[in-house]
Amino acid sequence: MQGLGNDFVVLDGVRTPLALTSIQLRWLADRHFGVGCDQILWVEPAQDATNDFRYRIFNRDGGEVANCGNGVRCFARYVHDQGLTQRTRLRVETLAGILEPELLPGGEVRVNMGTPLFDPVRIPFLVPALQPTYDLAIGNVIRTFSVLSMGNPHAVQVVEQITHAPVDLEGPLIEHHPFFPERVNAGFMEIVDRAHIHLRVHERGSGETLACGTGACAAVVAGQRLGELDPFVQVTTRGGELLIEWQGTGHPVWMTGPAVTVYTGIVHIPNIEELTHAGR
């Protein structure tokens, strides 16, 4: 599946319980030897009967993460299209808490992405105190960031021209900055006007993707806190458009965008011994 070009392998662990290692997940996400994707989405039965499903997310490096905005839209489309539910409004368990995606009549999915977190301890971000923005040394330059969590950590900076943003060069340096013990997603935001931004994101464990849903949410929140954006913002990514709504501190962020099935199939996943022998 793909959401604005952010592509996923979605696994049905409801009808067929799954047990995969990080080595097998890395193989599956490898575009040369496996299926290939930015992230793997793993659908499971809910642990609490009041919820509909449990949803797990693994980056291309095999590491599990708490949230993925484009992923949750694809997840909602998947469970509905695969006949796992007929409901159009869902309650989904994630490591980031309960998410509530809604399938809209036109095929898009609207998601309550939760309330952004700014407390450095909860991000986590190793600074002594909460500030509106932070100056960090990235290589030989000082960059100014808004830092927050949307269930996963984001460091967002404003750039003048998105096409010239140093995503490839600085993205990995930001991701692995020592102030972020669990690494961080690096957002590069160009503000077009108060209702429109351009965005590129280097995602931890995956590199730059064509779109990042939580990154779009984080960028809009950051822009509002800087006084530069309105509550409704169109976010243009390399993969397409998202609509993000945030009414300010204490309110959840709402995201609306597409989710598309590319193809379905069955794949034989090698066992660990096979992959180890092959040097994967």
C-alpha atoms as a PDB file:
ATOM      1  CA  MET A   1       0.000   0.000   0.000  1.00  0.00           C
ATOM      2  CA  GLN A   2       1.020   3.628  -0.290  1.00  0.00           C
ATOM      3  CA  GLY A   3      -0.038   6.922   1.198  1.00  0.00           C
ATOM      4  CA  LEU A   4       1.385   9.809  -0.850  1.00  0.00           C
ATOM      5  CA  GLY A   5       4.206   7.547  -2.002  1.00  0.00           C
ATOM      6  CA  ASN A   6       5.141   6.511   1.543  1.00  0.00           C
ATOM      7  CA  ASP A   7       4.915   2.782   0.890  1.00  0.00           C
ATOM      8  CA  PHE A   8       4.122  -0.126   3.175  1.00  0.00           C
ATOM      9  CA  VAL A   9       3.974  -3.886   3.343  1.00  0.00           C
ATOM     10  CA  VAL A  10       0.851  -4.653   5.383  1.00  0.00           C
ATOM     11  CA  LEU A  11       0.716  -8.042   7.119  1.00  0.00           C
ATOM     12  CA  ASP A  12      -2.495  -9.730   8.282  1.00  0.00           C
ATOM     13  CA  GLY A  13      -1.779 -11.065  11.752  1.00  0.00           C
ATOM     14  CA  VAL A  14      -5.494 -11.373  12.563  1.00  0.00           C
ATOM     15  CA  ARG A  15      -6.350 -14.408  10.428  1.00  0.00           C
ATOM     16  CA  THR A  16      -2.786 -15.773  10.548  1.00  0.00           C
ATOM     17  CA  PRO A  17      -0.788 -15.034  13.745  1.00  0.00           C
ATOM     18  CA  LEU A  18       2.737 -13.879  12.904  1.00  0.00           C
ATOM     19  CA  ALA A  19       6.129 -14.263  14.567  1.00  0.00           C
ATOM     20  CA  LEU A  20       8.892 -12.471  12.669  1.00  0.00           C
ATOM     21  CA  THR A  21      12.340 -11.334  13.773  1.00  0.00           C
ATOM     22  CA  SER A  22      14.004  -8.015  12.960  1.00  0.00           C
ATOM     23  CA  ILE A  23      16.246  -9.870  10.457  1.00  0.00           C
ATOM     24  CA  GLN A  24      13.190 -11.175   8.598  1.00  0.00           C
ATOM     25  CA  LEU A  25      11.532  -7.757   8.698  1.00  0.00           C
ATOM     26  CA  ARG A  26      14.639  -6.142   7.215  1.00  0.00           C
ATOM     27  CA  TRP A  27      14.618  -8.731   4.426  1.00  0.00           C
ATOM     28  CA  LEU A  28      10.944  -8.078   3.723  1.00  0.00           C
ATOM     29  CA  ALA A  29      11.553  -4.315   3.501  1.00  0.00           C
ATOM     30  CA  ASP A  30      14.604  -4.712   1.231  1.00  0.00           C
ATOM     31  CA  ARG A  31      13.671  -3.525  -2.273  1.00  0.00           C
ATOM     32  CA  HIS A  32      16.254  -5.824  -3.876  1.00  0.00           C
ATOM     33  CA  PHE A  33      15.687  -9.118  -2.058  1.00  0.00           C
ATOM     34  CA  GLY A  34      12.253  -8.800  -0.410  1.00  0.00           C
ATOM     35  CA  VAL A  35       9.077  -6.927  -1.308  1.00  0.00           C
ATOM     36  CA  GLY A  36      10.438  -3.489  -0.485  1.00  0.00           C
ATOM     37  CA  CYS A  37       8.880  -0.658   1.524  1.00  0.00           C
ATOM     38  CA  ASP A  38       9.486   2.302   3.819  1.00  0.00           C
ATOM     39  CA  GLN A  39       7.692   0.613   6.743  1.00  0.00           C
ATOM     40  CA  ILE A  40       5.993  -2.670   7.596  1.00  0.00           C
ATOM     41  CA  LEU A  41       2.510  -2.506   9.145  1.00  0.00           C
ATOM     42  CA  TRP A  42       1.478  -5.467  11.267  1.00  0.00           C
ATOM     43  CA  VAL A  43      -2.257  -5.909  11.954  1.00  0.00           C
ATOM     44  CA  GLU A  44      -3.197  -7.848  15.104  1.00  0.00           C
ATOM     45  CA  PRO A  45      -6.332  -8.436  17.207  1.00  0.00           C
ATOM     46  CA  ALA A  46      -6.939  -5.779  19.848  1.00  0.00           C
ATOM     47  CA  GLN A  47      -5.698  -6.531  23.346  1.00  0.00           C
ATOM     48  CA  ASP A  48      -8.642  -4.608  24.839  1.00  0.00           C
ATOM     49  CA  ALA A  49     -12.125  -5.691  23.726  1.00  0.00           C
ATOM     50  CA  THR A  50     -13.274  -2.055  23.589  1.00  0.00           C
ATOM     51  CA  ASN A  51     -10.907  -1.465  20.641  1.00  0.00           C
ATOM     52  CA  ASP A  52     -11.015  -2.832  17.094  1.00  0.00           C
ATOM     53  CA  PHE A  53      -7.415  -3.772  16.287  1.00  0.00           C
ATOM     54  CA  ARG A  54      -3.810  -3.510  17.382  1.00  0.00           C
ATOM     55  CA  TYR A  55      -1.407  -1.931  14.899  1.00  0.00           C
ATOM     56  CA  ARG A  56       2.396  -2.285  14.973  1.00  0.00           C
ATOM     57  CA  ILE A  57       4.917  -0.393  12.829  1.00  0.00           C
ATOM     58  CA  PHE A  58       8.427  -1.445  11.872  1.00  0.00           C
ATOM     59  CA  ASN A  59      10.910   0.731  10.011  1.00  0.00           C
ATOM     60  CA  ARG A  60      13.022  -0.552   7.155  1.00  0.00           C
ATOM     61  CA  ASP A  61      15.859  -1.306   9.586  1.00  0.00           C
ATOM     62  CA  GLY A  62      13.614  -3.720  11.520  1.00  0.00           C
ATOM     63  CA  GLY A  63      13.133  -1.427  14.520  1.00  0.00           C
ATOM     64  CA  GLU A  64       9.646  -0.972  15.963  1.00  0.00           C
ATOM     65  CA  VAL A  65       8.275   2.566  16.274  1.00  0.00           C
ATOM     66  CA  ALA A  66       5.195   4.016  17.916  1.00  0.00           C
ATOM     67  CA  ASN A  67       3.370   5.945  15.204  1.00  0.00           C
ATOM     68  CA  CYS A  68       3.114   6.511  11.448  1.00  0.00           C
ATOM     69  CA  GLY A  69       0.521   8.886  10.012  1.00  0.00           C
ATOM     70  CA  ASN A  70       0.505   7.645   6.424  1.00  0.00           C
ATOM     71  CA  GLY A  71       0.597   4.108   7.795  1.00  0.00           C
ATOM     72  CA  VAL A  72      -2.509   4.442   9.940  1.00  0.00           C
ATOM     73  CA  ARG A  73      -4.504   5.643   6.931  1.00  0.00           C
ATOM     74  CA  CYS A  74      -3.338   2.605   4.938  1.00  0.00           C
ATOM     75  CA  PHE A  75      -4.074   0.397   7.937  1.00  0.00           C
ATOM     76  CA  ALA A  76      -7.683   1.667   8.101  1.00  0.00           C
ATOM     77  CA  ARG A  77      -8.181   1.158   4.371  1.00  0.00           C
ATOM     78  CA  TYR A  78      -6.650  -2.328   4.581  1.00  0.00           C
ATOM     79  CA  VAL A  79      -8.767  -3.780   7.392  1.00  0.00           C
ATOM     80  CA  HIS A  80     -11.927  -2.490   5.706  1.00  0.00           C
ATOM     81  CA  ASP A  81     -11.043  -3.642   2.173  1.00  0.00           C
ATOM     82  CA  GLN A  82      -9.882  -7.058   3.425  1.00  0.00           C
ATOM     83  CA  GLY A  83     -13.208  -7.642   5.172  1.00  0.00           C
ATOM     84  CA  LEU A  84     -11.713  -7.649   8.671  1.00  0.00           C
ATOM     85  CA  THR A  85     -14.299  -5.041   9.665  1.00  0.00           C
ATOM     86  CA  GLN A  86     -17.257  -3.197   8.168  1.00  0.00           C
ATOM     87  CA  ARG A  87     -16.883  -0.230  10.469  1.00  0.00           C
ATOM     88  CA  THR A  88     -15.777   3.087   8.988  1.00  0.00           C
ATOM     89  CA  ARG A  89     -14.727   4.551  12.356  1.00  0.00           C
ATOM     90  CA  LEU A  90     -12.120   2.562  14.249  1.00  0.00           C
ATOM     91  CA  ARG A  91     -10.307   2.522  17.566  1.00  0.00           C
ATOM     92  CA  VAL A  92      -6.794   1.207  17.067  1.00  0.00           C
ATOM     93  CA  GLU A  93      -4.177   0.319  19.682  1.00  0.00           C
ATOM     94  CA  THR A  94      -0.622   1.538  19.008  1.00  0.00           C
ATOM     95  CA  LEU A  95       2.504   2.081  21.093  1.00  0.00           C
ATOM     96  CA  ALA A  96       1.591   5.777  20.934  1.00  0.00           C
ATOM     97  CA  GLY A  97      -1.882   5.157  22.399  1.00  0.00           C
ATOM     98  CA  ILE A  98      -5.312   4.867  20.792  1.00  0.00           C
ATOM     99  CA  LEU A  99      -5.727   6.253  17.269  1.00  0.00           C
ATOM    100  CA  GLU A 100      -9.140   6.831  15.694  1.00  0.00           C
ATOM    101  CA  PRO A 101      -9.119   6.716  11.878  1.00  0.00           C
ATOM    102  CA  GLU A 102     -12.310   7.337   9.897  1.00  0.00           C
ATOM    103  CA  LEU A 103     -12.854   6.254   6.283  1.00  0.00           C
ATOM    104  CA  LEU A 104     -14.497   9.089   4.326  1.00  0.00           C
ATOM    105  CA  PRO A 105     -16.949   8.538   1.429  1.00  0.00           C
ATOM    106  CA  GLY A 106     -14.481   9.792  -1.201  1.00  0.00           C
ATOM    107  CA  GLY A 107     -11.841   7.216  -0.253  1.00  0.00           C
ATOM    108  CA  GLU A 108      -9.649   9.421   1.921  1.00  0.00           C
ATOM    109  CA  VAL A 109      -9.024   8.692   5.590  1.00  0.00           C
ATOM    110  CA  ARG A 110      -9.266  11.204   8.437  1.00  0.00           C
ATOM    111  CA  VAL A 111      -7.337  10.419  11.608  1.00  0.00           C
ATOM    112  CA  ASN A 112      -7.216  11.849  15.107  1.00  0.00           C
ATOM    113  CA  MET A 113      -3.434  11.714  15.572  1.00  0.00           C
ATOM    114  CA  GLY A 114      -3.515  12.611  19.258  1.00  0.00           C
ATOM    115  CA  THR A 115      -2.236  15.608  21.178  1.00  0.00           C
ATOM    116  CA  PRO A 116       1.335  16.761  20.525  1.00  0.00           C
ATOM    117  CA  LEU A 117       3.832  16.529  23.383  1.00  0.00           C
ATOM    118  CA  PHE A 118       6.449  19.192  24.080  1.00  0.00           C
ATOM    119  CA  ASP A 119       7.955  18.024  27.388  1.00  0.00           C
ATOM    120  CA  PRO A 120      11.568  17.050  26.537  1.00  0.00           C
ATOM    121  CA  VAL A 121      11.426  14.078  28.917  1.00  0.00           C
ATOM    122  CA  ARG A 122       8.492  12.563  27.025  1.00  0.00           C
ATOM    123  CA  ILE A 123       9.928  13.123  23.528  1.00  0.00           C
ATOM    124  CA  PRO A 124      12.714  12.122  24.646  1.00  0.00           C
ATOM    125  CA  PHE A 125      15.100  15.033  24.145  1.00  0.00           C
ATOM    126  CA  LEU A 126      18.117  15.625  26.394  1.00  0.00           C
ATOM    127  CA  VAL A 127      17.864  19.332  27.218  1.00  0.00           C
ATOM    128  CA  PRO A 128      17.522  20.907  30.677  1.00  0.00           C
ATOM    129  CA  ALA A 129      14.214  22.722  30.110  1.00  0.00           C
ATOM    130  CA  LEU A 130      11.307  23.257  27.735  1.00  0.00           C
ATOM    131  CA  GLN A 131      11.837  26.073  25.218  1.00  0.00           C
ATOM    132  CA  PRO A 132       9.881  27.362  22.197  1.00  0.00           C
ATOM    133  CA  THR A 133      12.809  26.443  19.892  1.00  0.00           C
ATOM    134  CA  TYR A 134      16.273  24.958  20.290  1.00  0.00           C
ATOM    135  CA  ASP A 135      19.613  25.738  18.634  1.00  0.00           C
ATOM    136  CA  LEU A 136      21.613  22.579  17.888  1.00  0.00           C
ATOM    137  CA  ALA A 137      24.976  22.059  16.252  1.00  0.00           C
ATOM    138  CA  ILE A 138      24.519  19.963  13.099  1.00  0.00           C
ATOM    139  CA  GLY A 139      27.915  19.259  11.631  1.00  0.00           C
ATOM    140  CA  ASN A 140      29.623  22.638  11.348  1.00  0.00           C
ATOM    141  CA  VAL A 141      26.451  24.774  11.468  1.00  0.00           C
ATOM    142  CA  ILE A 142      23.876  25.788  14.073  1.00  0.00           C
ATOM    143  CA  ARG A 143      20.252  25.061  13.165  1.00  0.00           C
ATOM    144  CA  THR A 144      17.094  26.166  14.981  1.00  0.00           C
ATOM    145  CA  PHE A 145      14.491  23.476  15.612  1.00  0.00           C
ATOM    146  CA  SER A 146      11.016  23.045  16.990  1.00  0.00           C
ATOM    147  CA  VAL A 147      11.050  19.716  18.836  1.00  0.00           C
ATOM    148  CA  LEU A 148       7.944  17.718  19.739  1.00  0.00           C
ATOM    149  CA  SER A 149       6.428  14.263  19.740  1.00  0.00           C
ATOM    150  CA  MET A 150       3.469  13.014  17.724  1.00  0.00           C
ATOM    151  CA  GLY A 151       3.866   9.584  19.310  1.00  0.00           C
ATOM    152  CA  ASN A 152       7.323   9.631  17.718  1.00  0.00           C
ATOM    153  CA  PRO A 153       9.964  12.381  18.023  1.00  0.00           C
ATOM    154  CA  HIS A 154      10.311  15.172  15.459  1.00  0.00           C
ATOM    155  CA  ALA A 155      12.790  18.014  15.003  1.00  0.00           C
ATOM    156  CA  VAL A 156      11.418  20.561  12.522  1.00  0.00           C
ATOM    157  CA  GLN A 157      13.363  23.427  10.979  1.00  0.00           C
ATOM    158  CA  VAL A 158      12.194  26.196   8.649  1.00  0.00           C
ATOM    159  CA  VAL A 159      14.047  26.472   5.328  1.00  0.00           C
ATOM    160  CA  GLU A 160      13.818  29.104   2.596  1.00  0.00           C
ATOM    161  CA  GLN A 161      13.553  26.750  -0.390  1.00  0.00           C
ATOM    162  CA  ILE A 162      12.492  23.149   0.049  1.00  0.00           C
ATOM    163  CA  THR A 163      14.203  22.070  -3.178  1.00  0.00           C
ATOM    164  CA  HIS A 164      17.568  23.173  -1.775  1.00  0.00           C
ATOM    165  CA  ALA A 165      17.049  21.809   1.745  1.00  0.00           C
ATOM    166  CA  PRO A 166      20.070  19.701   2.872  1.00  0.00           C
ATOM    167  CA  VAL A 167      17.937  16.631   3.638  1.00  0.00           C
ATOM    168  CA  ASP A 168      20.452  14.041   2.440  1.00  0.00           C
ATOM    169  CA  LEU A 169      23.384  15.706   4.186  1.00  0.00           C
ATOM    170  CA  GLU A 170      21.861  16.867   7.469  1.00  0.00           C
ATOM    171  CA  GLY A 171      18.980  14.410   7.872  1.00  0.00           C
ATOM    172  CA  PRO A 172      21.188  11.547   9.135  1.00  0.00           C
ATOM    173  CA  LEU A 173      23.138  13.934  11.399  1.00  0.00           C
ATOM    174  CA  ILE A 174      19.916  15.190  12.983  1.00  0.00           C
ATOM    175  CA  GLU A 175      18.510  11.662  13.300  1.00  0.00           C
ATOM    176  CA  HIS A 176      21.564  10.507  15.254  1.00  0.00           C
ATOM    177  CA  HIS A 177      22.173  13.709  17.248  1.00  0.00           C
ATOM    178  CA  PRO A 178      23.255  12.753  20.788  1.00  0.00           C
ATOM    179  CA  PHE A 179      20.459  14.849  22.318  1.00  0.00           C
ATOM    180  CA  PHE A 180      17.917  12.338  20.915  1.00  0.00           C
ATOM    181  CA  PRO A 181      18.491   8.987  22.690  1.00  0.00           C
ATOM    182  CA  GLU A 182      15.830   7.237  20.574  1.00  0.00           C
ATOM    183  CA  ARG A 183      16.852   9.107  17.405  1.00  0.00           C
ATOM    184  CA  VAL A 184      14.514  11.608  15.734  1.00  0.00           C
ATOM    185  CA  ASN A 185      12.658  12.341  12.496  1.00  0.00           C
ATOM    186  CA  ALA A 186      14.095  15.428  10.795  1.00  0.00           C
ATOM    187  CA  GLY A 187      11.594  17.775   9.117  1.00  0.00           C
ATOM    188  CA  PHE A 188      12.465  20.539   6.633  1.00  0.00           C
ATOM    189  CA  MET A 189       9.561  23.002   6.202  1.00  0.00           C
ATOM    190  CA  GLU A 190       9.127  25.830   3.708  1.00  0.00           C
ATOM    191  CA  ILE A 191       6.253  28.148   4.659  1.00  0.00           C
ATOM    192  CA  VAL A 192       4.410  29.267   1.511  1.00  0.00           C
ATOM    193  CA  ASP A 193       1.678  31.201   3.322  1.00  0.00           C
ATOM    194  CA  ARG A 194      -0.388  30.817   6.487  1.00  0.00           C
ATOM    195  CA  ALA A 195      -2.399  27.927   5.044  1.00  0.00           C
ATOM    196  CA  HIS A 196       0.217  26.123   2.970  1.00  0.00           C
ATOM    197  CA  ILE A 197       3.655  24.577   3.545  1.00  0.00           C
ATOM    198  CA  HIS A 198       6.077  22.400   1.602  1.00  0.00           C
ATOM    199  CA  LEU A 199       7.695  19.587   3.584  1.00  0.00           C
ATOM    200  CA  ARG A 200      10.451  16.993   3.300  1.00  0.00           C
ATOM    201  CA  VAL A 201      11.227  14.517   6.080  1.00  0.00           C
ATOM    202  CA  HIS A 202      14.176  12.271   6.811  1.00  0.00           C
ATOM    203  CA  GLU A 203      12.592   9.474   8.847  1.00  0.00           C
ATOM    204  CA  ARG A 204      14.622   7.644  11.457  1.00  0.00           C
ATOM    205  CA  GLY A 205      15.440   4.137  10.322  1.00  0.00           C
ATOM    206  CA  SER A 206      14.164   4.741   6.774  1.00  0.00           C
ATOM    207  CA  GLY A 207      15.830   7.854   5.323  1.00  0.00           C
ATOM    208  CA  GLU A 208      13.908  10.417   3.296  1.00  0.00           C
ATOM    209  CA  THR A 209      10.440   9.233   2.292  1.00  0.00           C
ATOM    210  CA  LEU A 210       8.034  10.762  -0.213  1.00  0.00           C
ATOM    211  CA  ALA A 211       5.699  11.726   2.636  1.00  0.00           C
ATOM    212  CA  CYS A 212       5.493  11.475   6.432  1.00  0.00           C
ATOM    213  CA  GLY A 213       2.124  11.838   8.128  1.00  0.00           C
ATOM    214  CA  THR A 214       3.350  12.451  11.661  1.00  0.00           C
ATOM    215  CA  GLY A 215       5.994  14.734  10.166  1.00  0.00           C
ATOM    216  CA  ALA A 216       3.256  16.799   8.500  1.00  0.00           C
ATOM    217  CA  CYS A 217       1.405  17.018  11.833  1.00  0.00           C
ATOM    218  CA  ALA A 218       4.596  18.029  13.654  1.00  0.00           C
ATOM    219  CA  ALA A 219       5.452  20.679  11.055  1.00  0.00           C
ATOM    220  CA  VAL A 220       2.018  22.317  11.246  1.00  0.00           C
ATOM    221  CA  VAL A 221       2.144  22.321  15.051  1.00  0.00           C
ATOM    222  CA  ALA A 222       5.638  23.828  14.929  1.00  0.00           C
ATOM    223  CA  GLY A 223       4.555  26.491  12.436  1.00  0.00           C
ATOM    224  CA  GLN A 224       1.547  27.457  14.542  1.00  0.00           C
ATOM    225  CA  ARG A 225       3.664  27.751  17.673  1.00  0.00           C
ATOM    226  CA  LEU A 226       5.987  30.048  15.730  1.00  0.00           C
ATOM    227  CA  GLY A 227       2.957  32.200  14.863  1.00  0.00           C
ATOM    228  CA  GLU A 228       3.347  31.509  11.133  1.00  0.00           C
ATOM    229  CA  LEU A 229       0.410  29.170  10.365  1.00  0.00           C
ATOM    230  CA  ASP A 230      -3.377  29.017  10.705  1.00  0.00           C
ATOM    231  CA  PRO A 231      -5.357  26.071  12.175  1.00  0.00           C
ATOM    232  CA  PHE A 232      -6.023  24.465   8.743  1.00  0.00           C
ATOM    233  CA  VAL A 233      -2.923  23.879   6.615  1.00  0.00           C
ATOM    234  CA  GLN A 234      -2.315  22.158   3.288  1.00  0.00           C
ATOM    235  CA  VAL A 235       0.959  20.236   3.438  1.00  0.00           C
ATOM    236  CA  THR A 236       2.642  19.547   0.096  1.00  0.00           C
ATOM    237  CA  THR A 237       5.040  16.603   0.208  1.00  0.00           C
ATOM    238  CA  ARG A 238       6.989  15.027  -2.628  1.00  0.00           C
ATOM    239  CA  GLY A 239       4.255  12.366  -2.771  1.00  0.00           C
ATOM    240  CA  GLY A 240       1.173  14.617  -2.653  1.00  0.00           C
ATOM    241  CA  GLU A 241      -1.085  16.622  -0.374  1.00  0.00           C
ATOM    242  CA  LEU A 242      -2.276  16.274   3.221  1.00  0.00           C
ATOM    243  CA  LEU A 243      -4.724  18.454   5.137  1.00  0.00           C
ATOM    244  CA  ILE A 244      -3.705  19.029   8.760  1.00  0.00           C
ATOM    245  CA  GLU A 245      -5.893  20.691  11.397  1.00  0.00           C
ATOM    246  CA  TRP A 246      -4.754  21.799  14.865  1.00  0.00           C
ATOM    247  CA  GLN A 247      -6.725  24.144  17.085  1.00  0.00           C
ATOM    248  CA  GLY A 248      -3.872  24.762  19.507  1.00  0.00           C
ATOM    249  CA  THR A 249      -2.480  23.580  22.823  1.00  0.00           C
ATOM    250  CA  GLY A 250      -4.477  20.795  24.441  1.00  0.00           C
ATOM    251  CA  HIS A 251      -6.231  19.818  21.209  1.00  0.00           C
ATOM    252  CA  PRO A 252      -5.527  16.771  19.025  1.00  0.00           C
ATOM    253  CA  VAL A 253      -4.090  17.034  15.521  1.00  0.00           C
ATOM    254  CA  TRP A 254      -6.355  15.828  12.688  1.00  0.00           C
ATOM    255  CA  MET A 255      -4.904  14.532   9.432  1.00  0.00           C
ATOM    256  CA  THR A 256      -6.788  13.813   6.188  1.00  0.00           C
ATOM    257  CA  GLY A 257      -5.254  12.143   3.158  1.00  0.00           C
ATOM    258  CA  PRO A 258      -5.326   9.206   0.720  1.00  0.00           C
ATOM    259  CA  ALA A 259      -4.525   5.511   1.182  1.00  0.00           C
ATOM    260  CA  VAL A 260      -4.113   3.217  -1.825  1.00  0.00           C
ATOM    261  CA  THR A 261      -3.652  -0.523  -2.268  1.00  0.00           C
ATOM    262  CA  VAL A 262      -0.987  -1.252  -4.893  1.00  0.00           C
ATOM    263  CA  TYR A 263      -1.219  -5.046  -4.948  1.00  0.00           C
ATOM    264  CA  THR A 264      -1.810  -8.055  -2.725  1.00  0.00           C
ATOM    265  CA  GLY A 265       0.098 -11.321  -2.648  1.00  0.00           C
ATOM    266  CA  ILE A 266       1.821 -14.087  -0.726  1.00  0.00           C
ATOM    267  CA  VAL A 267       5.556 -14.065  -0.002  1.00  0.00           C
ATOM    268  CA  HIS A 268       7.828 -16.795   1.319  1.00  0.00           C
ATOM    269  CA  ILE A 269       9.911 -15.294   4.119  1.00  0.00           C
ATOM    270  CA  PRO A 270      13.235 -17.144   4.582  1.00  0.00           C
ATOM    271  CA  ASN A 271      14.040 -18.452   8.025  1.00  0.00           C
ATOM    272  CA  ILE A 272      16.778 -16.858  10.104  1.00  0.00           C
ATOM    273  CA  GLU A 273      19.341 -19.511   9.199  1.00  0.00           C
ATOM    274  CA  GLU A 274      18.821 -18.917   5.469  1.00  0.00           C
ATOM    275  CA  LEU A 275      19.157 -15.164   5.870  1.00  0.00           C
ATOM    276  CA  THR A 276      22.218 -15.434   8.098  1.00  0.00           C
ATOM    277  CA  HIS A 277      23.904 -17.774   5.634  1.00  0.00           C
ATOM    278  CA  ALA A 278      23.148 -15.355   2.797  1.00  0.00           C
ATOM    279  CA  GLY A 279      24.649 -12.466   4.759  1.00  0.00           C
ATOM    280  CA  ARG A 280      21.425 -10.513   5.027  1.00  0.00           C
END
